[in-house]
Amino acid sequence: EPAGEDGTYFQTFQVRTGSRLTAPGTLAISPDSGDEGNPRELSQGEWRPFGFSGSGSAEAPLVYAGSGIANSGGHQEEIPDVEGRVMVVESGTPEMEEGSL
């Protein structure tokens, strides 16, 4: 029996599909404390916040996590320990080897 709105199977809900920057966002990357070099500020074309990103600031080590997908069958990426770190993931669908699905 339908349990949705007005006796239907449907339920309305909000989905955040995009973000509108009210000011230019900034992202700066600093080398490890043991490395030499100055912080590098990335330009807008080098990074993009996801549509569901919030506002704020953080200072934490970066960890690269590939596509961020853990797959139980076929190819499985090694997902590093991300606690206390900013996780950097690739956007889009990972490329698949032919016949891997």
N, C-alpha and C. Protein backbone atom coordinates (compact mmCIF):
# COMPACT_ATOMS: atom_id res chain seq x y z
N GLU A 1 0.84 -1.17 0.00
CA GLU A 1 0.00 0.00 0.00
C GLU A 1 0.89 1.24 0.00
N PRO A 2 0.55 2.24 -0.81
CA PRO A 2 1.38 3.45 -0.88
C PRO A 2 1.46 4.16 0.46
N ALA A 3 2.67 4.60 0.80
CA ALA A 3 2.87 5.33 2.06
C ALA A 3 3.42 6.72 1.79
N GLY A 4 3.38 7.14 0.52
CA GLY A 4 3.91 8.44 0.16
C GLY A 4 2.88 9.54 0.30
N GLU A 5 3.22 10.68 -0.25
CA GLU A 5 2.36 11.86 -0.17
C GLU A 5 1.07 11.65 -0.94
N ASP A 6 -0.03 12.09 -0.38
CA ASP A 6 -1.36 12.03 -1.00
C ASP A 6 -1.71 10.61 -1.45
N GLY A 7 -1.30 9.60 -0.68
CA GLY A 7 -1.64 8.22 -1.00
C GLY A 7 -0.90 7.66 -2.20
N THR A 8 0.23 8.27 -2.56
CA THR A 8 1.02 7.78 -3.70
C THR A 8 2.29 7.09 -3.21
N TYR A 9 3.07 6.58 -4.14
CA TYR A 9 4.37 6.00 -3.83
C TYR A 9 5.48 7.05 -3.86
N PHE A 10 5.13 8.30 -4.09
CA PHE A 10 6.13 9.35 -4.28
C PHE A 10 6.32 10.18 -3.02
N GLN A 11 7.54 10.67 -2.85
CA GLN A 11 7.88 11.56 -1.75
C GLN A 11 8.80 12.63 -2.32
N THR A 12 8.48 13.89 -2.09
CA THR A 12 9.35 14.96 -2.58
C THR A 12 10.49 15.18 -1.60
N PHE A 13 11.63 15.56 -2.13
CA PHE A 13 12.79 15.87 -1.31
C PHE A 13 13.69 16.80 -2.09
N GLN A 14 14.54 17.52 -1.38
CA GLN A 14 15.45 18.47 -2.01
C GLN A 14 16.79 17.80 -2.28
N VAL A 15 17.37 18.11 -3.44
CA VAL A 15 18.69 17.62 -3.81
C VAL A 15 19.54 18.83 -4.18
N ARG A 16 20.68 18.96 -3.55
CA ARG A 16 21.59 20.05 -3.90
C ARG A 16 22.35 19.61 -5.14
N THR A 17 22.19 20.36 -6.22
CA THR A 17 22.81 19.96 -7.49
C THR A 17 23.93 20.88 -7.93
N GLY A 18 24.14 21.96 -7.26
CA GLY A 18 25.20 22.86 -7.69
C GLY A 18 25.51 23.90 -6.63
N SER A 19 26.63 24.53 -6.80
CA SER A 19 27.04 25.59 -5.89
C SER A 19 27.29 26.85 -6.70
N ARG A 20 27.03 27.96 -6.08
CA ARG A 20 27.33 29.25 -6.71
C ARG A 20 28.30 29.96 -5.79
N LEU A 21 29.49 30.19 -6.29
CA LEU A 21 30.49 30.89 -5.49
C LEU A 21 30.14 32.36 -5.41
N THR A 22 30.08 32.88 -4.20
CA THR A 22 29.80 34.31 -4.04
C THR A 22 31.07 35.13 -4.09
N ALA A 23 32.19 34.47 -3.92
CA ALA A 23 33.52 35.09 -4.03
C ALA A 23 34.45 34.01 -4.55
N PRO A 24 35.53 34.39 -5.20
CA PRO A 24 36.45 33.37 -5.69
C PRO A 24 36.95 32.49 -4.55
N GLY A 25 36.85 31.19 -4.73
CA GLY A 25 37.38 30.26 -3.74
C GLY A 25 38.89 30.17 -3.87
N THR A 26 39.53 29.80 -2.80
CA THR A 26 40.98 29.65 -2.84
C THR A 26 41.37 28.29 -2.31
N LEU A 27 42.45 27.76 -2.85
CA LEU A 27 43.01 26.51 -2.38
C LEU A 27 44.52 26.63 -2.50
N ALA A 28 45.20 26.47 -1.39
CA ALA A 28 46.66 26.55 -1.38
C ALA A 28 47.22 25.25 -0.83
N ILE A 29 48.28 24.78 -1.44
CA ILE A 29 48.94 23.54 -1.03
C ILE A 29 50.35 23.88 -0.59
N SER A 30 50.70 23.41 0.59
CA SER A 30 52.05 23.62 1.12
C SER A 30 52.78 22.29 1.15
N PRO A 31 54.07 22.31 0.89
CA PRO A 31 54.84 21.06 0.97
C PRO A 31 54.93 20.59 2.41
N ASP A 32 55.27 19.30 2.59
CA ASP A 32 55.49 18.76 3.94
C ASP A 32 56.51 19.62 4.66
N SER A 33 56.46 19.64 5.97
CA SER A 33 57.37 20.48 6.74
C SER A 33 58.83 20.11 6.49
N GLY A 34 59.10 18.85 6.12
CA GLY A 34 60.48 18.44 5.84
C GLY A 34 60.94 18.81 4.45
N ASP A 35 59.99 19.18 3.56
CA ASP A 35 60.34 19.55 2.19
C ASP A 35 60.59 21.04 2.10
N GLU A 36 61.42 21.41 1.14
CA GLU A 36 61.63 22.83 0.90
C GLU A 36 60.62 23.32 -0.13
N GLY A 37 60.26 24.55 -0.04
CA GLY A 37 59.34 25.13 -1.01
C GLY A 37 58.32 26.00 -0.34
N ASN A 38 57.68 26.82 -1.14
CA ASN A 38 56.67 27.74 -0.64
C ASN A 38 55.29 27.19 -0.95
N PRO A 39 54.28 27.63 -0.19
CA PRO A 39 52.91 27.23 -0.52
C PRO A 39 52.56 27.64 -1.95
N ARG A 40 51.76 26.85 -2.61
CA ARG A 40 51.33 27.14 -3.98
C ARG A 40 49.83 27.30 -3.98
N GLU A 41 49.35 28.46 -4.43
CA GLU A 41 47.92 28.67 -4.54
C GLU A 41 47.45 28.18 -5.90
N LEU A 42 46.45 27.32 -5.90
CA LEU A 42 45.93 26.76 -7.15
C LEU A 42 44.92 27.71 -7.77
N SER A 43 44.93 27.84 -9.09
CA SER A 43 43.98 28.71 -9.77
C SER A 43 42.65 27.98 -9.93
N GLN A 44 41.61 28.74 -10.27
CA GLN A 44 40.26 28.18 -10.38
C GLN A 44 40.17 27.00 -11.35
N GLY A 45 40.95 26.98 -12.41
CA GLY A 45 40.88 25.88 -13.37
C GLY A 45 41.55 24.61 -12.89
N GLU A 46 42.31 24.67 -11.82
CA GLU A 46 43.05 23.50 -11.33
C GLU A 46 42.29 22.71 -10.27
N TRP A 47 41.22 23.23 -9.78
CA TRP A 47 40.44 22.52 -8.78
C TRP A 47 38.99 22.98 -8.87
N ARG A 48 38.09 22.17 -8.33
CA ARG A 48 36.67 22.52 -8.37
C ARG A 48 35.97 21.92 -7.16
N PRO A 49 35.25 22.73 -6.39
CA PRO A 49 34.49 22.16 -5.27
C PRO A 49 33.29 21.40 -5.82
N PHE A 50 32.90 20.34 -5.14
CA PHE A 50 31.70 19.62 -5.53
C PHE A 50 30.48 20.47 -5.23
N GLY A 51 29.38 20.18 -5.90
CA GLY A 51 28.15 20.94 -5.72
C GLY A 51 27.62 20.92 -4.30
N PHE A 52 27.94 19.89 -3.56
CA PHE A 52 27.46 19.77 -2.19
C PHE A 52 28.48 20.26 -1.17
N SER A 53 29.54 20.91 -1.66
CA SER A 53 30.58 21.41 -0.76
C SER A 53 30.06 22.56 0.09
N GLY A 54 30.51 22.59 1.32
CA GLY A 54 30.16 23.68 2.21
C GLY A 54 31.26 24.72 2.22
N SER A 55 31.08 25.74 3.01
CA SER A 55 32.09 26.78 3.15
C SER A 55 32.92 26.50 4.39
N GLY A 56 34.13 26.97 4.39
CA GLY A 56 34.97 26.81 5.56
C GLY A 56 36.43 26.77 5.19
N SER A 57 37.23 26.50 6.17
CA SER A 57 38.66 26.38 5.92
C SER A 57 39.18 25.20 6.72
N ALA A 58 40.28 24.64 6.25
CA ALA A 58 40.89 23.49 6.92
C ALA A 58 42.38 23.51 6.68
N GLU A 59 43.10 22.98 7.61
CA GLU A 59 44.54 22.81 7.44
C GLU A 59 44.85 21.40 7.88
N ALA A 60 45.18 20.54 6.92
CA ALA A 60 45.43 19.13 7.21
C ALA A 60 46.26 18.54 6.08
N PRO A 61 46.91 17.42 6.32
CA PRO A 61 47.66 16.76 5.25
C PRO A 61 46.72 16.25 4.16
N LEU A 62 47.19 16.26 2.91
CA LEU A 62 46.43 15.71 1.79
C LEU A 62 46.78 14.24 1.62
N VAL A 63 45.78 13.45 1.22
CA VAL A 63 46.02 12.06 0.88
C VAL A 63 45.30 11.78 -0.44
N TYR A 64 46.03 11.24 -1.42
CA TYR A 64 45.47 10.93 -2.73
C TYR A 64 44.77 9.57 -2.66
N ALA A 65 43.52 9.52 -3.10
CA ALA A 65 42.75 8.28 -3.00
C ALA A 65 42.20 7.83 -4.35
N GLY A 66 42.83 8.21 -5.46
CA GLY A 66 42.37 7.76 -6.78
C GLY A 66 40.93 8.17 -7.01
N SER A 67 40.09 7.21 -7.42
CA SER A 67 38.67 7.50 -7.64
C SER A 67 37.89 7.46 -6.34
N GLY A 68 38.50 6.94 -5.27
CA GLY A 68 37.81 6.84 -3.99
C GLY A 68 36.82 5.70 -3.93
N ILE A 69 36.86 4.81 -4.92
CA ILE A 69 35.92 3.70 -4.99
C ILE A 69 36.59 2.42 -4.52
N ALA A 70 35.98 1.78 -3.53
CA ALA A 70 36.43 0.46 -3.09
C ALA A 70 35.50 -0.56 -3.73
N ASN A 71 36.04 -1.46 -4.50
CA ASN A 71 35.26 -2.41 -5.30
C ASN A 71 35.49 -3.81 -4.76
N SER A 72 34.42 -4.54 -4.49
CA SER A 72 34.58 -5.88 -3.93
C SER A 72 34.95 -6.92 -4.98
N GLY A 73 34.75 -6.62 -6.25
CA GLY A 73 35.11 -7.57 -7.31
C GLY A 73 35.97 -6.89 -8.35
N GLY A 74 36.81 -7.65 -9.01
CA GLY A 74 37.66 -7.07 -10.04
C GLY A 74 38.73 -6.20 -9.44
N HIS A 75 39.01 -5.08 -10.09
CA HIS A 75 40.07 -4.16 -9.65
C HIS A 75 39.64 -3.43 -8.38
N GLN A 76 40.47 -3.41 -7.39
CA GLN A 76 40.18 -2.69 -6.16
C GLN A 76 41.33 -1.75 -5.84
N GLU A 77 41.01 -0.48 -5.70
CA GLU A 77 42.04 0.50 -5.35
C GLU A 77 42.34 0.41 -3.86
N GLU A 78 43.58 0.62 -3.52
CA GLU A 78 43.98 0.67 -2.12
C GLU A 78 43.58 2.03 -1.57
N ILE A 79 42.65 2.06 -0.62
CA ILE A 79 42.21 3.32 -0.03
C ILE A 79 43.05 3.57 1.22
N PRO A 80 43.79 4.66 1.25
CA PRO A 80 44.67 4.94 2.39
C PRO A 80 43.88 5.36 3.63
N ASP A 81 44.54 5.39 4.76
CA ASP A 81 43.95 5.89 6.00
C ASP A 81 43.71 7.39 5.82
N VAL A 82 42.48 7.83 5.98
CA VAL A 82 42.15 9.23 5.72
C VAL A 82 41.76 10.01 6.97
N GLU A 83 41.81 9.38 8.12
CA GLU A 83 41.42 10.08 9.35
C GLU A 83 42.34 11.28 9.60
N GLY A 84 41.72 12.45 9.78
CA GLY A 84 42.48 13.67 10.04
C GLY A 84 43.16 14.25 8.81
N ARG A 85 42.79 13.78 7.63
CA ARG A 85 43.41 14.25 6.39
C ARG A 85 42.35 14.76 5.42
N VAL A 86 42.76 15.53 4.44
CA VAL A 86 41.88 15.96 3.36
C VAL A 86 42.07 14.96 2.23
N MET A 87 40.99 14.32 1.82
CA MET A 87 41.05 13.28 0.80
C MET A 87 40.91 13.92 -0.58
N VAL A 88 41.87 13.66 -1.46
CA VAL A 88 41.84 14.16 -2.83
C VAL A 88 41.42 13.00 -3.73
N VAL A 89 40.29 13.15 -4.44
CA VAL A 89 39.79 12.10 -5.32
C VAL A 89 39.64 12.63 -6.73
N GLU A 90 39.77 11.73 -7.69
CA GLU A 90 39.58 12.10 -9.09
C GLU A 90 38.09 12.19 -9.39
N SER A 91 37.73 13.15 -10.22
CA SER A 91 36.34 13.33 -10.62
C SER A 91 36.02 12.41 -11.79
N GLY A 92 34.77 12.01 -11.91
CA GLY A 92 34.33 11.21 -13.04
C GLY A 92 34.34 9.72 -12.74
N THR A 93 34.05 8.95 -13.78
CA THR A 93 34.00 7.50 -13.67
C THR A 93 35.36 6.92 -14.00
N PRO A 94 35.87 6.01 -13.17
CA PRO A 94 37.17 5.42 -13.48
C PRO A 94 37.11 4.60 -14.76
N GLU A 95 38.21 4.59 -15.49
CA GLU A 95 38.27 3.78 -16.71
C GLU A 95 38.31 2.31 -16.33
N MET A 96 37.60 1.50 -17.09
CA MET A 96 37.52 0.07 -16.82
C MET A 96 38.26 -0.69 -17.91
N GLU A 97 38.86 -1.79 -17.52
CA GLU A 97 39.45 -2.66 -18.52
C GLU A 97 38.34 -3.39 -19.24
N GLU A 98 38.53 -3.67 -20.51
CA GLU A 98 37.51 -4.34 -21.30
C GLU A 98 37.14 -5.67 -20.65
N GLY A 99 35.84 -5.90 -20.51
CA GLY A 99 35.36 -7.15 -19.95
C GLY A 99 35.48 -7.26 -18.45
N SER A 100 35.69 -6.15 -17.75
CA SER A 100 35.88 -6.23 -16.30
C SER A 100 34.58 -6.16 -15.52
N LEU A 101 33.46 -5.89 -16.19
CA LEU A 101 32.18 -5.86 -15.47
C LEU A 101 31.49 -7.18 -15.53
